Amino acid sequence: MAENQPTGPAETGAEMDYGEHERTFSMFLALTKWLVILSVSLLVAMAFGFFAGGGLFGGIVLFIVLNALAYFLT
């Protein structure tokens, strides 16, 4: 076990896998973007359905349309 310990300062420890770091960060950003898009479209569809007289069916349709629009625009 002792032979696997780094001998230098902590700042110069193990090698970083920068490619894997970039892929993980890209996935995190994509997930965050889509969660925000889904949340906003859900809130807009709920407001349309409850307050604008769209009803349940109108809210569901608007939710699907907003998500499809976001998919094609991003």
PDB file of N, CA and C in Angstrom:
ATOM      1  N   MET A   1       0.798  -1.186   0.000  1.00  0.00           N
ATOM      2  CA  MET A   1       0.000   0.000   0.000  1.00  0.00           C
ATOM      3  C   MET A   1       0.847   1.259   0.000  1.00  0.00           C
ATOM      4  N   ALA A   2       1.933   1.253   0.752  1.00  0.00           N
ATOM      5  CA  ALA A   2       2.744   2.452   0.885  1.00  0.00           C
ATOM      6  C   ALA A   2       3.403   2.830  -0.431  1.00  0.00           C
ATOM      7  N   GLU A   3       3.667   1.871  -1.302  1.00  0.00           N
ATOM      8  CA  GLU A   3       4.335   2.203  -2.558  1.00  0.00           C
ATOM      9  C   GLU A   3       3.418   2.932  -3.532  1.00  0.00           C
ATOM     10  N   ASN A   4       2.093   2.941  -3.308  1.00  0.00           N
ATOM     11  CA  ASN A   4       1.156   3.624  -4.196  1.00  0.00           C
ATOM     12  C   ASN A   4       0.881   5.059  -3.772  1.00  0.00           C
ATOM     13  N   GLN A   5       1.423   5.491  -2.666  1.00  0.00           N
ATOM     14  CA  GLN A   5       1.182   6.835  -2.160  1.00  0.00           C
ATOM     15  C   GLN A   5       2.020   7.849  -2.941  1.00  0.00           C
ATOM     16  N   PRO A   6       1.415   9.003  -3.309  1.00  0.00           N
ATOM     17  CA  PRO A   6       2.221  10.041  -3.964  1.00  0.00           C
ATOM     18  C   PRO A   6       3.270  10.582  -2.996  1.00  0.00           C
ATOM     19  N   THR A   7       4.427  10.919  -3.542  1.00  0.00           N
ATOM     20  CA  THR A   7       5.522  11.388  -2.698  1.00  0.00           C
ATOM     21  C   THR A   7       5.635  12.899  -2.669  1.00  0.00           C
ATOM     22  N   GLY A   8       5.032  13.579  -3.628  1.00  0.00           N
ATOM     23  CA  GLY A   8       5.136  15.033  -3.690  1.00  0.00           C
ATOM     24  C   GLY A   8       3.998  15.709  -2.967  1.00  0.00           C
ATOM     25  N   PRO A   9       3.882  17.023  -3.162  1.00  0.00           N
ATOM     26  CA  PRO A   9       2.789  17.769  -2.541  1.00  0.00           C
ATOM     27  C   PRO A   9       1.436  17.319  -3.109  1.00  0.00           C
ATOM     28  N   ALA A  10       0.362  17.631  -2.378  1.00  0.00           N
ATOM     29  CA  ALA A  10      -0.986  17.206  -2.784  1.00  0.00           C
ATOM     30  C   ALA A  10      -1.398  17.832  -4.120  1.00  0.00           C
ATOM     31  N   GLU A  11      -0.891  19.006  -4.419  1.00  0.00           N
ATOM     32  CA  GLU A  11      -1.266  19.676  -5.664  1.00  0.00           C
ATOM     33  C   GLU A  11      -0.749  18.939  -6.887  1.00  0.00           C
ATOM     34  N   THR A  12       0.286  18.159  -6.759  1.00  0.00           N
ATOM     35  CA  THR A  12       0.857  17.427  -7.901  1.00  0.00           C
ATOM     36  C   THR A  12       0.581  15.939  -7.763  1.00  0.00           C
ATOM     37  N   GLY A  13      -0.597  15.583  -7.264  1.00  0.00           N
ATOM     38  CA  GLY A  13      -0.966  14.189  -7.039  1.00  0.00           C
ATOM     39  C   GLY A  13      -1.209  13.446  -8.340  1.00  0.00           C
ATOM     40  N   ALA A  14      -2.264  12.684  -8.388  1.00  0.00           N
ATOM     41  CA  ALA A  14      -2.561  11.815  -9.529  1.00  0.00           C
ATOM     42  C   ALA A  14      -2.885  12.633 -10.780  1.00  0.00           C
ATOM     43  N   GLU A  15      -2.690  11.999 -11.906  1.00  0.00           N
ATOM     44  CA  GLU A  15      -3.009  12.610 -13.197  1.00  0.00           C
ATOM     45  C   GLU A  15      -4.522  12.806 -13.319  1.00  0.00           C
ATOM     46  N   MET A  16      -4.934  13.919 -13.913  1.00  0.00           N
ATOM     47  CA  MET A  16      -6.356  14.184 -14.149  1.00  0.00           C
ATOM     48  C   MET A  16      -6.735  13.633 -15.516  1.00  0.00           C
ATOM     49  N   ASP A  17      -7.911  13.067 -15.602  1.00  0.00           N
ATOM     50  CA  ASP A  17      -8.461  12.628 -16.880  1.00  0.00           C
ATOM     51  C   ASP A  17      -9.342  13.760 -17.403  1.00  0.00           C
ATOM     52  N   TYR A  18      -8.724  14.690 -18.113  1.00  0.00           N
ATOM     53  CA  TYR A  18      -9.429  15.892 -18.540  1.00  0.00           C
ATOM     54  C   TYR A  18     -10.539  15.596 -19.535  1.00  0.00           C
ATOM     55  N   GLY A  19     -10.366  14.584 -20.368  1.00  0.00           N
ATOM     56  CA  GLY A  19     -11.426  14.215 -21.312  1.00  0.00           C
ATOM     57  C   GLY A  19     -12.681  13.763 -20.592  1.00  0.00           C
ATOM     58  N   GLU A  20     -12.507  12.925 -19.586  1.00  0.00           N
ATOM     59  CA  GLU A  20     -13.657  12.453 -18.807  1.00  0.00           C
ATOM     60  C   GLU A  20     -14.288  13.600 -18.026  1.00  0.00           C
ATOM     61  N   HIS A  21     -13.476  14.512 -17.527  1.00  0.00           N
ATOM     62  CA  HIS A  21     -13.993  15.684 -16.815  1.00  0.00           C
ATOM     63  C   HIS A  21     -14.862  16.531 -17.741  1.00  0.00           C
ATOM     64  N   GLU A  22     -14.409  16.772 -18.948  1.00  0.00           N
ATOM     65  CA  GLU A  22     -15.173  17.564 -19.906  1.00  0.00           C
ATOM     66  C   GLU A  22     -16.474  16.871 -20.287  1.00  0.00           C
ATOM     67  N   ARG A  23     -16.464  15.558 -20.487  1.00  0.00           N
ATOM     68  CA  ARG A  23     -17.690  14.824 -20.827  1.00  0.00           C
ATOM     69  C   ARG A  23     -18.694  14.882 -19.679  1.00  0.00           C
ATOM     70  N   THR A  24     -18.220  14.725 -18.459  1.00  0.00           N
ATOM     71  CA  THR A  24     -19.108  14.786 -17.301  1.00  0.00           C
ATOM     72  C   THR A  24     -19.712  16.177 -17.167  1.00  0.00           C
ATOM     73  N   PHE A  25     -18.920  17.207 -17.350  1.00  0.00           N
ATOM     74  CA  PHE A  25     -19.419  18.571 -17.244  1.00  0.00           C
ATOM     75  C   PHE A  25     -20.424  18.869 -18.354  1.00  0.00           C
ATOM     76  N   SER A  26     -20.181  18.360 -19.565  1.00  0.00           N
ATOM     77  CA  SER A  26     -21.124  18.556 -20.667  1.00  0.00           C
ATOM     78  C   SER A  26     -22.457  17.879 -20.370  1.00  0.00           C
ATOM     79  N   MET A  27     -22.412  16.667 -19.812  1.00  0.00           N
ATOM     80  CA  MET A  27     -23.655  15.979 -19.445  1.00  0.00           C
ATOM     81  C   MET A  27     -24.397  16.740 -18.351  1.00  0.00           C
ATOM     82  N   PHE A  28     -23.667  17.273 -17.380  1.00  0.00           N
ATOM     83  CA  PHE A  28     -24.278  18.055 -16.311  1.00  0.00           C
ATOM     84  C   PHE A  28     -24.970  19.296 -16.879  1.00  0.00           C
ATOM     85  N   LEU A  29     -24.312  19.993 -17.796  1.00  0.00           N
ATOM     86  CA  LEU A  29     -24.919  21.181 -18.393  1.00  0.00           C
ATOM     87  C   LEU A  29     -26.152  20.834 -19.215  1.00  0.00           C
ATOM     88  N   ALA A  30     -26.094  19.734 -19.966  1.00  0.00           N
ATOM     89  CA  ALA A  30     -27.247  19.320 -20.767  1.00  0.00           C
ATOM     90  C   ALA A  30     -28.424  18.941 -19.871  1.00  0.00           C
ATOM     91  N   LEU A  31     -28.159  18.203 -18.801  1.00  0.00           N
ATOM     92  CA  LEU A  31     -29.222  17.828 -17.874  1.00  0.00           C
ATOM     93  C   LEU A  31     -29.832  19.061 -17.216  1.00  0.00           C
ATOM     94  N   THR A  32     -29.003  19.990 -16.805  1.00  0.00           N
ATOM     95  CA  THR A  32     -29.492  21.217 -16.180  1.00  0.00           C
ATOM     96  C   THR A  32     -30.342  22.022 -17.160  1.00  0.00           C
ATOM     97  N   LYS A  33     -29.888  22.132 -18.395  1.00  0.00           N
ATOM     98  CA  LYS A  33     -30.627  22.879 -19.417  1.00  0.00           C
ATOM     99  C   LYS A  33     -32.006  22.265 -19.632  1.00  0.00           C
ATOM    100  N   TRP A  34     -32.071  20.940 -19.768  1.00  0.00           N
ATOM    101  CA  TRP A  34     -33.358  20.303 -20.034  1.00  0.00           C
ATOM    102  C   TRP A  34     -34.268  20.320 -18.822  1.00  0.00           C
ATOM    103  N   LEU A  35     -33.727  20.256 -17.621  1.00  0.00           N
ATOM    104  CA  LEU A  35     -34.571  20.365 -16.435  1.00  0.00           C
ATOM    105  C   LEU A  35     -35.188  21.758 -16.314  1.00  0.00           C
ATOM    106  N   VAL A  36     -34.415  22.776 -16.659  1.00  0.00           N
ATOM    107  CA  VAL A  36     -34.952  24.143 -16.641  1.00  0.00           C
ATOM    108  C   VAL A  36     -36.027  24.300 -17.715  1.00  0.00           C
ATOM    109  N   ILE A  37     -35.767  23.787 -18.918  1.00  0.00           N
ATOM    110  CA  ILE A  37     -36.747  23.879 -20.008  1.00  0.00           C
ATOM    111  C   ILE A  37     -38.040  23.165 -19.632  1.00  0.00           C
ATOM    112  N   LEU A  38     -37.927  21.951 -19.085  1.00  0.00           N
ATOM    113  CA  LEU A  38     -39.123  21.207 -18.693  1.00  0.00           C
ATOM    114  C   LEU A  38     -39.888  21.911 -17.579  1.00  0.00           C
ATOM    115  N   SER A  39     -39.172  22.465 -16.622  1.00  0.00           N
ATOM    116  CA  SER A  39     -39.835  23.156 -15.508  1.00  0.00           C
ATOM    117  C   SER A  39     -40.575  24.400 -15.988  1.00  0.00           C
ATOM    118  N   VAL A  40     -39.929  25.186 -16.829  1.00  0.00           N
ATOM    119  CA  VAL A  40     -40.566  26.411 -17.327  1.00  0.00           C
ATOM    120  C   VAL A  40     -41.763  26.076 -18.210  1.00  0.00           C
ATOM    121  N   SER A  41     -41.625  25.093 -19.078  1.00  0.00           N
ATOM    122  CA  SER A  41     -42.749  24.742 -19.951  1.00  0.00           C
ATOM    123  C   SER A  41     -43.909  24.163 -19.147  1.00  0.00           C
ATOM    124  N   LEU A  42     -43.610  23.414 -18.081  1.00  0.00           N
ATOM    125  CA  LEU A  42     -44.677  22.902 -17.220  1.00  0.00           C
ATOM    126  C   LEU A  42     -45.418  24.046 -16.519  1.00  0.00           C
ATOM    127  N   LEU A  43     -44.670  25.018 -16.012  1.00  0.00           N
ATOM    128  CA  LEU A  43     -45.305  26.156 -15.344  1.00  0.00           C
ATOM    129  C   LEU A  43     -46.145  26.989 -16.316  1.00  0.00           C
ATOM    130  N   VAL A  44     -45.644  27.193 -17.523  1.00  0.00           N
ATOM    131  CA  VAL A  44     -46.399  27.952 -18.523  1.00  0.00           C
ATOM    132  C   VAL A  44     -47.662  27.193 -18.921  1.00  0.00           C
ATOM    133  N   ALA A  45     -47.543  25.872 -19.114  1.00  0.00           N
ATOM    134  CA  ALA A  45     -48.701  25.072 -19.491  1.00  0.00           C
ATOM    135  C   ALA A  45     -49.733  25.026 -18.371  1.00  0.00           C
ATOM    136  N   MET A  46     -49.274  24.949 -17.123  1.00  0.00           N
ATOM    137  CA  MET A  46     -50.212  24.970 -15.997  1.00  0.00           C
ATOM    138  C   MET A  46     -50.930  26.316 -15.903  1.00  0.00           C
ATOM    139  N   ALA A  47     -50.202  27.401 -16.094  1.00  0.00           N
ATOM    140  CA  ALA A  47     -50.822  28.724 -16.059  1.00  0.00           C
ATOM    141  C   ALA A  47     -51.836  28.865 -17.194  1.00  0.00           C
ATOM    142  N   PHE A  48     -51.497  28.360 -18.363  1.00  0.00           N
ATOM    143  CA  PHE A  48     -52.436  28.421 -19.492  1.00  0.00           C
ATOM    144  C   PHE A  48     -53.675  27.587 -19.209  1.00  0.00           C
ATOM    145  N   GLY A  49     -53.477  26.410 -18.676  1.00  0.00           N
ATOM    146  CA  GLY A  49     -54.614  25.534 -18.411  1.00  0.00           C
ATOM    147  C   GLY A  49     -55.517  26.037 -17.307  1.00  0.00           C
ATOM    148  N   PHE A  50     -54.950  26.609 -16.257  1.00  0.00           N
ATOM    149  CA  PHE A  50     -55.753  27.026 -15.103  1.00  0.00           C
ATOM    150  C   PHE A  50     -56.314  28.437 -15.244  1.00  0.00           C
ATOM    151  N   PHE A  51     -55.521  29.355 -15.749  1.00  0.00           N
ATOM    152  CA  PHE A  51     -55.922  30.767 -15.723  1.00  0.00           C
ATOM    153  C   PHE A  51     -56.403  31.301 -17.067  1.00  0.00           C
ATOM    154  N   ALA A  52     -55.986  30.713 -18.171  1.00  0.00           N
ATOM    155  CA  ALA A  52     -56.378  31.227 -19.485  1.00  0.00           C
ATOM    156  C   ALA A  52     -57.540  30.436 -20.082  1.00  0.00           C
ATOM    157  N   GLY A  53     -58.062  29.490 -19.327  1.00  0.00           N
ATOM    158  CA  GLY A  53     -59.218  28.748 -19.820  1.00  0.00           C
ATOM    159  C   GLY A  53     -58.870  27.628 -20.783  1.00  0.00           C
ATOM    160  N   GLY A  54     -57.617  27.204 -20.812  1.00  0.00           N
ATOM    161  CA  GLY A  54     -57.216  26.144 -21.733  1.00  0.00           C
ATOM    162  C   GLY A  54     -57.636  24.766 -21.273  1.00  0.00           C
ATOM    163  N   GLY A  55     -57.810  24.597 -19.989  1.00  0.00           N
ATOM    164  CA  GLY A  55     -58.211  23.307 -19.454  1.00  0.00           C
ATOM    165  C   GLY A  55     -57.063  22.314 -19.431  1.00  0.00           C
ATOM    166  N   LEU A  56     -57.380  21.102 -19.003  1.00  0.00           N
ATOM    167  CA  LEU A  56     -56.362  20.062 -18.889  1.00  0.00           C
ATOM    168  C   LEU A  56     -55.781  19.693 -20.250  1.00  0.00           C
ATOM    169  N   PHE A  57     -56.643  19.476 -21.229  1.00  0.00           N
ATOM    170  CA  PHE A  57     -56.173  19.079 -22.552  1.00  0.00           C
ATOM    171  C   PHE A  57     -55.331  20.175 -23.198  1.00  0.00           C
ATOM    172  N   GLY A  58     -55.756  21.415 -23.074  1.00  0.00           N
ATOM    173  CA  GLY A  58     -54.995  22.532 -23.639  1.00  0.00           C
ATOM    174  C   GLY A  58     -53.636  22.690 -22.980  1.00  0.00           C
ATOM    175  N   GLY A  59     -53.578  22.477 -21.665  1.00  0.00           N
ATOM    176  CA  GLY A  59     -52.304  22.549 -20.956  1.00  0.00           C
ATOM    177  C   GLY A  59     -51.348  21.450 -21.380  1.00  0.00           C
ATOM    178  N   ILE A  60     -51.877  20.236 -21.556  1.00  0.00           N
ATOM    179  CA  ILE A  60     -51.027  19.121 -21.994  1.00  0.00           C
ATOM    180  C   ILE A  60     -50.503  19.364 -23.399  1.00  0.00           C
ATOM    181  N   VAL A  61     -51.376  19.831 -24.276  1.00  0.00           N
ATOM    182  CA  VAL A  61     -50.951  20.112 -25.655  1.00  0.00           C
ATOM    183  C   VAL A  61     -49.889  21.208 -25.676  1.00  0.00           C
ATOM    184  N   LEU A  62     -50.105  22.259 -24.906  1.00  0.00           N
ATOM    185  CA  LEU A  62     -49.120  23.348 -24.864  1.00  0.00           C
ATOM    186  C   LEU A  62     -47.791  22.857 -24.300  1.00  0.00           C
ATOM    187  N   PHE A  63     -47.822  22.006 -23.266  1.00  0.00           N
ATOM    188  CA  PHE A  63     -46.603  21.440 -22.698  1.00  0.00           C
ATOM    189  C   PHE A  63     -45.822  20.662 -23.756  1.00  0.00           C
ATOM    190  N   ILE A  64     -46.504  19.836 -24.517  1.00  0.00           N
ATOM    191  CA  ILE A  64     -45.846  19.049 -25.568  1.00  0.00           C
ATOM    192  C   ILE A  64     -45.298  19.965 -26.659  1.00  0.00           C
ATOM    193  N   VAL A  65     -46.069  20.962 -27.048  1.00  0.00           N
ATOM    194  CA  VAL A  65     -45.619  21.889 -28.098  1.00  0.00           C
ATOM    195  C   VAL A  65     -44.399  22.679 -27.644  1.00  0.00           C
ATOM    196  N   LEU A  66     -44.416  23.162 -26.411  1.00  0.00           N
ATOM    197  CA  LEU A  66     -43.267  23.930 -25.916  1.00  0.00           C
ATOM    198  C   LEU A  66     -42.004  23.079 -25.840  1.00  0.00           C
ATOM    199  N   ASN A  67     -42.134  21.825 -25.415  1.00  0.00           N
ATOM    200  CA  ASN A  67     -40.963  20.950 -25.342  1.00  0.00           C
ATOM    201  C   ASN A  67     -40.448  20.583 -26.730  1.00  0.00           C
ATOM    202  N   ALA A  68     -41.353  20.360 -27.676  1.00  0.00           N
ATOM    203  CA  ALA A  68     -40.927  20.075 -29.047  1.00  0.00           C
ATOM    204  C   ALA A  68     -40.229  21.290 -29.647  1.00  0.00           C
ATOM    205  N   LEU A  69     -40.766  22.466 -29.376  1.00  0.00           N
ATOM    206  CA  LEU A  69     -40.148  23.700 -29.862  1.00  0.00           C
ATOM    207  C   LEU A  69     -38.749  23.879 -29.265  1.00  0.00           C
ATOM    208  N   ALA A  70     -38.628  23.631 -27.979  1.00  0.00           N
ATOM    209  CA  ALA A  70     -37.312  23.741 -27.329  1.00  0.00           C
ATOM    210  C   ALA A  70     -36.338  22.726 -27.893  1.00  0.00           C
ATOM    211  N   TYR A  71     -36.804  21.520 -28.189  1.00  0.00           N
ATOM    212  CA  TYR A  71     -35.930  20.492 -28.747  1.00  0.00           C
ATOM    213  C   TYR A  71     -35.368  20.924 -30.104  1.00  0.00           C
ATOM    214  N   PHE A  72     -36.230  21.488 -30.947  1.00  0.00           N
ATOM    215  CA  PHE A  72     -35.789  21.871 -32.284  1.00  0.00           C
ATOM    216  C   PHE A  72     -35.000  23.170 -32.286  1.00  0.00           C
ATOM    217  N   LEU A  73     -35.170  24.008 -31.286  1.00  0.00           N
ATOM    218  CA  LEU A  73     -34.435  25.268 -31.245  1.00  0.00           C
ATOM    219  C   LEU A  73     -33.068  25.140 -30.549  1.00  0.00           C
ATOM    220  N   THR A  74     -32.880  24.101 -29.741  1.00  0.00           N
ATOM    221  CA  THR A  74     -31.589  23.961 -29.047  1.00  0.00           C
ATOM    222  C   THR A  74     -30.712  22.953 -29.709  1.00  0.00           C
TER     223      THR A  74
END
